[in-house]
């Protein structure tokens, strides 16, 4: 079972977002403003995200606009070989 302890910065992952499988790299792990729990900041390989690594004016990681995405552990799985940006 995948847990937050198993996920590290720099790991490549598959993300389920808007009923699509997206590929990316974990760039942030921790709390974000105005949300409960632990969140993962993902740098995507395609511009299918909804941010640039910032949320409500705070920067958590840096990415091009629409290449960033925040998600929770239940929406990802580890992906050893994925396309790179």
Protein backbone atom coordinates (compact mmCIF):
# COMPACT_ATOMS: atom_id res chain seq x y z
CA UNK A 1 0.00 0.00 0.00
CA UNK A 2 1.30 3.44 -0.91
CA UNK A 3 1.72 5.81 2.03
CA UNK A 4 3.11 9.31 2.38
CA UNK A 5 6.18 7.81 4.00
CA UNK A 6 6.84 5.82 0.78
CA UNK A 7 6.64 8.88 -1.46
CA UNK A 8 9.75 11.04 -1.80
CA UNK A 9 10.61 14.24 -3.60
CA UNK A 10 11.86 13.41 -7.08
CA UNK A 11 9.83 10.22 -7.49
CA UNK A 12 8.01 9.78 -10.76
CA UNK A 13 4.29 9.11 -10.49
CA UNK A 14 1.08 8.59 -12.41
CA UNK A 15 -1.76 10.90 -11.31
CA UNK A 16 -5.48 10.47 -11.86
CA UNK A 17 -6.82 13.96 -12.63
CA UNK A 18 -10.08 14.82 -14.39
CA UNK A 19 -10.50 11.18 -15.41
CA UNK A 20 -7.11 11.18 -17.18
CA UNK A 21 -3.83 9.54 -16.23
CA UNK A 22 -1.08 12.18 -16.11
CA UNK A 23 2.64 11.66 -15.55
CA UNK A 24 4.93 13.73 -13.41
CA UNK A 25 7.45 14.10 -10.62
CA UNK A 26 6.79 14.75 -6.93
CA UNK A 27 8.19 18.22 -6.19
CA UNK A 28 6.50 18.94 -2.84
CA UNK A 29 5.08 16.93 0.05
CA UNK A 30 3.39 18.58 3.01
CA UNK A 31 0.58 20.87 4.10
CA UNK A 32 -0.82 23.66 1.93
CA UNK A 33 -2.71 26.79 2.94
CA UNK A 34 -6.43 26.31 3.65
CA UNK A 35 -6.40 22.53 3.03
CA UNK A 36 -6.32 19.73 5.58
CA UNK A 37 -3.79 16.94 5.54
CA UNK A 38 -0.72 16.19 3.50
CA UNK A 39 -0.62 17.18 -0.16
CA UNK A 40 1.70 16.27 -3.01
CA UNK A 41 2.85 18.88 -5.48
CA UNK A 42 3.43 17.30 -8.87
CA UNK A 43 5.37 18.73 -11.81
CA UNK A 44 3.62 17.28 -14.85
CA UNK A 45 5.10 16.26 -18.22
CA UNK A 46 2.18 17.92 -20.06
CA UNK A 47 0.27 21.19 -19.50
CA UNK A 48 -2.75 19.44 -17.97
CA UNK A 49 -2.36 20.88 -14.47
CA UNK A 50 -4.00 23.88 -12.89
CA UNK A 51 -1.13 25.88 -11.39
CA UNK A 52 2.57 26.70 -11.43
CA UNK A 53 3.41 25.24 -8.02
CA UNK A 54 1.76 28.03 -6.05
CA UNK A 55 -1.50 27.98 -4.12
CA UNK A 56 -3.31 31.01 -2.69
CA UNK A 57 -0.26 33.24 -3.18
CA UNK A 58 2.28 30.89 -1.61
CA UNK A 59 4.95 29.12 -3.69
CA UNK A 60 5.49 25.44 -2.82
CA UNK A 61 7.50 24.48 -5.90
CA UNK A 62 8.28 26.12 -9.23
CA UNK A 63 6.87 24.90 -12.51
CA UNK A 64 5.59 26.39 -15.75
CA UNK A 65 1.97 27.52 -15.66
CA UNK A 66 -0.42 24.53 -16.03
CA UNK A 67 2.41 22.04 -15.44
CA UNK A 68 1.76 22.01 -11.67
CA UNK A 69 -0.85 20.07 -9.73
CA UNK A 70 -1.62 19.45 -6.06
CA UNK A 71 -3.16 16.10 -5.21
CA UNK A 72 -3.48 13.53 -2.44
CA UNK A 73 -1.94 10.09 -2.11
CA UNK A 74 -5.12 8.28 -3.14
CA UNK A 75 -4.85 9.82 -6.64
CA UNK A 76 -1.31 8.64 -7.46
CA UNK A 77 0.71 5.51 -8.04
CA UNK A 78 4.44 5.11 -8.52
CA UNK A 79 5.60 5.00 -12.13
CA UNK A 80 9.17 3.80 -12.68
CA UNK A 81 9.45 4.74 -16.38
CA UNK A 82 7.43 7.65 -17.67
CA UNK A 83 7.92 10.21 -20.42
CA UNK A 84 9.94 13.25 -19.37
CA UNK A 85 9.18 16.84 -20.20
